[in-house]
Structure formats: C-alpha cells, structure tokens
Amino acid sequence: MDHPEFSGRIWQNPNETDNNSDSDNNSYVDDTVGYDFVNNDNNPKDDHGHGTNVTGLLAANGNNNIGYAGVDWNCKLMVLKVLDRRNRGYYSNWIKGIKYAADHGAHVINMSL
C-alpha cells in the first residue's frame, strides 16, 4: 500500500479512526484503508505481489516517471485481502470482501485471485 505508483490513491474509510476499536461500528477494528479477511486485521498486505501487479495495470499513476501508467489515474484503491499466503481462501471471505466493498461505496471490484 506504500507503492509509489499508488501514492494518494489508497481509499480511506472516512468513518474509522485508528484507535484499536471499531469506531464506525461495522464489525472491523481500525479498517482505515481496507481489511484482511484472512487474518482478521487491518493489514491487507499482498503476500505475493499478484494483486499489486494487477492493480498497477489498472490504476498506476501516470506522468510520474515511475514504472508504467495504469488505465485509470484517478480512482481510489480499496485494498481487501481474501487469500492466505499459500493463495488459498474460503468463499465466505470472498463474500465478506465483496460485501465490504459494496457497503463502502466501491463502484468497480477487481478480484485478483
């Protein structure tokens, strides 16, 4: 989430504060930039880089002399994790991720599974 191609692009949950509680009462503690449904925490870090690579193709910033430009230079990126470090996961977590995205205003969902 700190990749320079995504600078200023990571979605922020406007109703959550990072204070070890569920400030917005949505059942997810400190989900300020997304959520990890595998480990049930607020760190949806990409374990293998696949999601980051696909996200770059879709949304890498343009005209910044770094890497390449994605298709959309203006969208916000809501980061959600539904697969574990072995690239395995449960459909129930996929469903939770889709519901979370929809409930928090996502207009387009890309599932890089």
N, C-alpha and C. Protein backbone atom coordinates (compact mmCIF):
# COMPACT_ATOMS: atom_id res chain seq x y z
N MET A 1 0.82 -1.21 0.00
CA MET A 1 0.00 0.00 0.00
C MET A 1 0.85 1.26 0.00
N ASP A 2 2.15 1.09 0.18
CA ASP A 2 3.03 2.26 0.13
C ASP A 2 3.79 2.33 -1.20
N HIS A 3 3.35 1.56 -2.19
CA HIS A 3 3.99 1.59 -3.50
C HIS A 3 3.85 2.99 -4.10
N PRO A 4 4.92 3.55 -4.65
CA PRO A 4 4.86 4.92 -5.17
C PRO A 4 3.85 5.11 -6.31
N GLU A 5 3.56 4.05 -7.05
CA GLU A 5 2.57 4.17 -8.13
C GLU A 5 1.16 4.42 -7.61
N PHE A 6 0.93 4.15 -6.32
CA PHE A 6 -0.40 4.31 -5.74
C PHE A 6 -0.46 5.50 -4.78
N SER A 7 0.55 6.34 -4.81
CA SER A 7 0.60 7.49 -3.92
C SER A 7 -0.65 8.37 -4.07
N GLY A 8 -1.30 8.61 -2.95
CA GLY A 8 -2.51 9.43 -2.95
C GLY A 8 -3.74 8.73 -3.46
N ARG A 9 -3.64 7.46 -3.73
CA ARG A 9 -4.74 6.74 -4.36
C ARG A 9 -5.43 5.74 -3.44
N ILE A 10 -4.83 5.42 -2.31
CA ILE A 10 -5.42 4.43 -1.41
C ILE A 10 -6.66 5.02 -0.74
N TRP A 11 -7.75 4.30 -0.87
CA TRP A 11 -9.03 4.68 -0.26
C TRP A 11 -8.88 4.81 1.25
N GLN A 12 -9.55 5.77 1.82
CA GLN A 12 -9.56 5.96 3.27
C GLN A 12 -10.99 5.82 3.77
N ASN A 13 -11.19 5.03 4.79
CA ASN A 13 -12.51 4.88 5.40
C ASN A 13 -12.77 6.14 6.22
N PRO A 14 -13.69 7.00 5.77
CA PRO A 14 -13.91 8.27 6.45
C PRO A 14 -14.54 8.15 7.83
N ASN A 15 -15.09 6.98 8.15
CA ASN A 15 -15.80 6.80 9.41
C ASN A 15 -15.02 6.01 10.45
N GLU A 16 -13.77 5.69 10.14
CA GLU A 16 -12.96 4.88 11.05
C GLU A 16 -11.74 5.67 11.50
N THR A 17 -11.37 5.48 12.75
CA THR A 17 -10.12 6.05 13.27
C THR A 17 -9.25 4.90 13.76
N ASP A 18 -7.97 5.05 13.67
CA ASP A 18 -7.01 4.02 14.07
C ASP A 18 -6.78 4.13 15.57
N ASN A 19 -7.63 3.45 16.35
CA ASN A 19 -7.56 3.58 17.82
C ASN A 19 -7.86 2.27 18.55
N ASN A 20 -7.60 1.13 17.88
CA ASN A 20 -7.85 -0.19 18.47
C ASN A 20 -9.31 -0.43 18.84
N SER A 21 -10.22 0.19 18.10
CA SER A 21 -11.64 -0.07 18.31
C SER A 21 -12.35 0.01 16.96
N ASP A 22 -13.59 -0.35 16.96
CA ASP A 22 -14.41 -0.30 15.76
C ASP A 22 -15.20 1.01 15.77
N SER A 23 -14.55 2.09 15.41
CA SER A 23 -15.14 3.43 15.50
C SER A 23 -16.41 3.59 14.68
N ASP A 24 -16.48 2.90 13.53
CA ASP A 24 -17.65 3.07 12.67
C ASP A 24 -18.69 1.97 12.85
N ASN A 25 -18.47 1.08 13.83
CA ASN A 25 -19.42 0.02 14.16
C ASN A 25 -19.81 -0.86 12.98
N ASN A 26 -18.80 -1.23 12.16
CA ASN A 26 -19.08 -2.12 11.03
C ASN A 26 -18.51 -3.52 11.26
N SER A 27 -18.08 -3.81 12.48
CA SER A 27 -17.55 -5.11 12.91
C SER A 27 -16.08 -5.33 12.55
N TYR A 28 -15.40 -4.29 12.02
CA TYR A 28 -13.99 -4.41 11.66
C TYR A 28 -13.19 -3.34 12.38
N VAL A 29 -12.23 -3.76 13.20
CA VAL A 29 -11.43 -2.85 14.01
C VAL A 29 -10.38 -2.15 13.16
N ASP A 30 -10.36 -0.84 13.23
CA ASP A 30 -9.34 0.00 12.58
C ASP A 30 -9.19 -0.24 11.08
N ASP A 31 -10.30 -0.47 10.40
CA ASP A 31 -10.26 -0.68 8.95
C ASP A 31 -10.19 0.67 8.23
N THR A 32 -9.09 1.35 8.45
CA THR A 32 -8.92 2.70 7.90
C THR A 32 -8.62 2.71 6.41
N VAL A 33 -7.95 1.67 5.89
CA VAL A 33 -7.61 1.61 4.46
C VAL A 33 -8.05 0.30 3.81
N GLY A 34 -8.86 -0.47 4.46
CA GLY A 34 -9.30 -1.75 3.94
C GLY A 34 -9.25 -2.79 5.04
N TYR A 35 -9.26 -4.07 4.65
CA TYR A 35 -9.29 -5.11 5.67
C TYR A 35 -8.73 -6.42 5.14
N ASP A 36 -8.15 -7.20 6.04
CA ASP A 36 -7.63 -8.54 5.76
C ASP A 36 -8.61 -9.54 6.37
N PHE A 37 -9.41 -10.16 5.51
CA PHE A 37 -10.42 -11.11 5.97
C PHE A 37 -9.82 -12.48 6.28
N VAL A 38 -8.58 -12.71 5.92
CA VAL A 38 -7.90 -13.97 6.22
C VAL A 38 -7.41 -13.96 7.66
N ASN A 39 -6.71 -12.90 8.04
CA ASN A 39 -6.13 -12.80 9.38
C ASN A 39 -6.95 -11.95 10.33
N ASN A 40 -8.08 -11.46 9.85
CA ASN A 40 -8.98 -10.63 10.65
C ASN A 40 -8.26 -9.45 11.29
N ASP A 41 -7.54 -8.70 10.45
CA ASP A 41 -6.89 -7.49 10.94
C ASP A 41 -6.93 -6.40 9.86
N ASN A 42 -6.36 -5.28 10.17
CA ASN A 42 -6.43 -4.12 9.26
C ASN A 42 -5.20 -3.98 8.37
N ASN A 43 -4.50 -5.09 8.13
CA ASN A 43 -3.30 -5.05 7.30
C ASN A 43 -3.48 -5.97 6.08
N PRO A 44 -4.13 -5.48 5.02
CA PRO A 44 -4.39 -6.33 3.85
C PRO A 44 -3.21 -6.42 2.89
N LYS A 45 -2.02 -6.60 3.41
CA LYS A 45 -0.80 -6.64 2.60
C LYS A 45 -0.81 -7.82 1.63
N ASP A 46 -0.38 -7.56 0.42
CA ASP A 46 -0.27 -8.56 -0.64
C ASP A 46 0.92 -9.47 -0.34
N ASP A 47 0.69 -10.77 -0.20
CA ASP A 47 1.76 -11.71 0.14
C ASP A 47 2.70 -12.03 -1.01
N HIS A 48 2.19 -12.00 -2.25
CA HIS A 48 2.99 -12.45 -3.38
C HIS A 48 3.18 -11.42 -4.49
N GLY A 49 2.48 -10.31 -4.44
CA GLY A 49 2.64 -9.28 -5.45
C GLY A 49 1.67 -9.35 -6.62
N HIS A 50 0.91 -10.43 -6.72
CA HIS A 50 -0.02 -10.56 -7.84
C HIS A 50 -1.08 -9.46 -7.83
N GLY A 51 -1.70 -9.25 -6.69
CA GLY A 51 -2.72 -8.21 -6.59
C GLY A 51 -2.15 -6.83 -6.86
N THR A 52 -0.93 -6.57 -6.38
CA THR A 52 -0.27 -5.29 -6.60
C THR A 52 0.02 -5.10 -8.09
N ASN A 53 0.47 -6.15 -8.76
CA ASN A 53 0.76 -6.07 -10.18
C ASN A 53 -0.50 -5.76 -10.99
N VAL A 54 -1.57 -6.49 -10.73
CA VAL A 54 -2.82 -6.26 -11.45
C VAL A 54 -3.36 -4.87 -11.15
N THR A 55 -3.25 -4.45 -9.91
CA THR A 55 -3.69 -3.11 -9.54
C THR A 55 -2.89 -2.05 -10.30
N GLY A 56 -1.60 -2.29 -10.48
CA GLY A 56 -0.78 -1.38 -11.26
C GLY A 56 -1.25 -1.25 -12.69
N LEU A 57 -1.60 -2.36 -13.31
CA LEU A 57 -2.12 -2.32 -14.68
C LEU A 57 -3.40 -1.49 -14.75
N LEU A 58 -4.21 -1.62 -13.73
CA LEU A 58 -5.48 -0.89 -13.71
C LEU A 58 -5.33 0.56 -13.29
N ALA A 59 -4.46 0.83 -12.32
CA ALA A 59 -4.54 2.14 -11.67
C ALA A 59 -3.22 2.81 -11.31
N ALA A 60 -2.10 2.39 -11.89
CA ALA A 60 -0.84 3.07 -11.57
C ALA A 60 -0.91 4.53 -12.01
N ASN A 61 -0.37 5.41 -11.18
CA ASN A 61 -0.35 6.84 -11.52
C ASN A 61 0.40 7.05 -12.82
N GLY A 62 -0.02 8.03 -13.57
CA GLY A 62 0.65 8.36 -14.83
C GLY A 62 1.48 9.63 -14.70
N ASN A 63 2.34 9.84 -15.68
CA ASN A 63 3.16 11.05 -15.76
C ASN A 63 3.98 11.31 -14.50
N ASN A 64 4.52 10.25 -13.90
CA ASN A 64 5.32 10.44 -12.68
C ASN A 64 6.74 9.88 -12.83
N ASN A 65 7.11 9.47 -14.03
CA ASN A 65 8.45 8.94 -14.31
C ASN A 65 8.81 7.71 -13.47
N ILE A 66 7.77 6.96 -13.05
CA ILE A 66 7.99 5.72 -12.30
C ILE A 66 7.24 4.61 -13.04
N GLY A 67 7.91 3.54 -13.36
CA GLY A 67 7.24 2.37 -13.93
C GLY A 67 6.42 2.67 -15.15
N TYR A 68 5.17 2.32 -15.10
CA TYR A 68 4.26 2.50 -16.23
C TYR A 68 2.98 3.15 -15.74
N ALA A 69 2.13 3.54 -16.66
CA ALA A 69 0.86 4.17 -16.31
C ALA A 69 -0.27 3.15 -16.42
N GLY A 70 -1.15 3.15 -15.44
CA GLY A 70 -2.32 2.29 -15.48
C GLY A 70 -3.41 2.89 -16.35
N VAL A 71 -4.51 2.21 -16.45
CA VAL A 71 -5.64 2.64 -17.28
C VAL A 71 -6.37 3.82 -16.65
N ASP A 72 -6.56 3.81 -15.34
CA ASP A 72 -7.31 4.86 -14.65
C ASP A 72 -6.39 5.55 -13.64
N TRP A 73 -6.11 6.84 -13.85
CA TRP A 73 -5.19 7.58 -12.99
C TRP A 73 -5.89 8.29 -11.85
N ASN A 74 -7.17 8.12 -11.72
CA ASN A 74 -7.92 8.90 -10.73
C ASN A 74 -8.68 8.08 -9.69
N CYS A 75 -8.86 6.80 -9.92
CA CYS A 75 -9.69 6.01 -9.00
C CYS A 75 -9.01 5.85 -7.64
N LYS A 76 -9.80 5.55 -6.65
CA LYS A 76 -9.29 5.21 -5.32
C LYS A 76 -9.20 3.70 -5.22
N LEU A 77 -8.25 3.21 -4.46
CA LEU A 77 -7.99 1.78 -4.33
C LEU A 77 -8.33 1.30 -2.93
N MET A 78 -9.36 0.49 -2.82
CA MET A 78 -9.75 -0.10 -1.55
C MET A 78 -9.10 -1.48 -1.48
N VAL A 79 -8.20 -1.68 -0.56
CA VAL A 79 -7.42 -2.91 -0.50
C VAL A 79 -8.07 -3.89 0.47
N LEU A 80 -8.43 -5.06 -0.05
CA LEU A 80 -9.06 -6.11 0.75
C LEU A 80 -8.34 -7.42 0.46
N LYS A 81 -8.10 -8.20 1.49
CA LYS A 81 -7.38 -9.46 1.33
C LYS A 81 -8.30 -10.62 1.66
N VAL A 82 -8.38 -11.59 0.74
CA VAL A 82 -9.23 -12.75 0.95
C VAL A 82 -8.52 -14.09 0.74
N LEU A 83 -7.24 -14.05 0.34
CA LEU A 83 -6.45 -15.28 0.19
C LEU A 83 -5.28 -15.26 1.16
N ASP A 84 -4.90 -16.44 1.65
CA ASP A 84 -3.78 -16.51 2.59
C ASP A 84 -2.45 -16.55 1.84
N ARG A 85 -1.36 -16.70 2.55
CA ARG A 85 -0.03 -16.66 1.95
C ARG A 85 0.24 -17.85 1.03
N ARG A 86 -0.60 -18.89 1.10
CA ARG A 86 -0.48 -20.03 0.18
C ARG A 86 -1.45 -19.91 -0.99
N ASN A 87 -2.05 -18.73 -1.11
CA ASN A 87 -3.05 -18.46 -2.16
C ASN A 87 -4.28 -19.33 -2.03
N ARG A 88 -4.66 -19.61 -0.81
CA ARG A 88 -5.87 -20.38 -0.54
C ARG A 88 -6.83 -19.49 0.22
N GLY A 89 -8.09 -19.79 0.09
CA GLY A 89 -9.08 -19.00 0.81
C GLY A 89 -10.45 -19.64 0.79
N TYR A 90 -11.30 -19.08 1.59
CA TYR A 90 -12.67 -19.58 1.70
C TYR A 90 -13.62 -18.66 0.95
N TYR A 91 -14.61 -19.24 0.31
CA TYR A 91 -15.62 -18.44 -0.38
C TYR A 91 -16.29 -17.46 0.59
N SER A 92 -16.40 -17.85 1.84
CA SER A 92 -17.03 -16.97 2.83
C SER A 92 -16.25 -15.66 2.97
N ASN A 93 -14.92 -15.72 2.90
CA ASN A 93 -14.12 -14.50 2.95
C ASN A 93 -14.26 -13.69 1.67
N TRP A 94 -14.39 -14.36 0.54
CA TRP A 94 -14.61 -13.66 -0.73
C TRP A 94 -15.91 -12.87 -0.63
N ILE A 95 -16.93 -13.52 -0.09
CA ILE A 95 -18.24 -12.87 0.06
C ILE A 95 -18.14 -11.67 1.00
N LYS A 96 -17.43 -11.84 2.12
CA LYS A 96 -17.24 -10.73 3.06
C LYS A 96 -16.53 -9.57 2.38
N GLY A 97 -15.52 -9.86 1.57
CA GLY A 97 -14.79 -8.81 0.86
C GLY A 97 -15.67 -8.07 -0.13
N ILE A 98 -16.46 -8.80 -0.89
CA ILE A 98 -17.37 -8.17 -1.86
C ILE A 98 -18.40 -7.32 -1.13
N LYS A 99 -18.96 -7.84 -0.05
CA LYS A 99 -19.95 -7.08 0.71
C LYS A 99 -19.33 -5.82 1.31
N TYR A 100 -18.13 -5.96 1.85
CA TYR A 100 -17.44 -4.81 2.42
C TYR A 100 -17.25 -3.73 1.36
N ALA A 101 -16.75 -4.13 0.20
CA ALA A 101 -16.51 -3.16 -0.89
C ALA A 101 -17.80 -2.47 -1.29
N ALA A 102 -18.85 -3.23 -1.48
CA ALA A 102 -20.14 -2.65 -1.88
C ALA A 102 -20.68 -1.73 -0.79
N ASP A 103 -20.60 -2.16 0.45
CA ASP A 103 -21.11 -1.35 1.57
C ASP A 103 -20.32 -0.05 1.77
N HIS A 104 -19.08 -0.03 1.29
CA HIS A 104 -18.23 1.15 1.47
C HIS A 104 -18.06 1.95 0.19
N GLY A 105 -18.95 1.75 -0.76
CA GLY A 105 -19.04 2.63 -1.92
C GLY A 105 -18.26 2.24 -3.16
N ALA A 106 -17.73 1.02 -3.22
CA ALA A 106 -17.00 0.61 -4.43
C ALA A 106 -17.94 0.58 -5.63
N HIS A 107 -17.46 1.11 -6.75
CA HIS A 107 -18.22 1.10 -8.00
C HIS A 107 -17.75 -0.03 -8.90
N VAL A 108 -16.49 -0.42 -8.78
CA VAL A 108 -15.90 -1.50 -9.57
C VAL A 108 -15.12 -2.38 -8.62
N ILE A 109 -15.23 -3.69 -8.79
CA ILE A 109 -14.48 -4.63 -7.96
C ILE A 109 -13.63 -5.49 -8.89
N ASN A 110 -12.33 -5.54 -8.63
CA ASN A 110 -11.44 -6.46 -9.31
C ASN A 110 -10.97 -7.47 -8.28
N MET A 111 -11.19 -8.74 -8.57
CA MET A 111 -10.75 -9.79 -7.66
C MET A 111 -9.57 -10.50 -8.30
N SER A 112 -8.38 -10.13 -7.90
CA SER A 112 -7.16 -10.74 -8.44
C SER A 112 -6.85 -12.00 -7.63
N LEU A 113 -7.54 -13.05 -7.96
CA LEU A 113 -7.39 -14.30 -7.20
C LEU A 113 -6.50 -15.25 -7.97
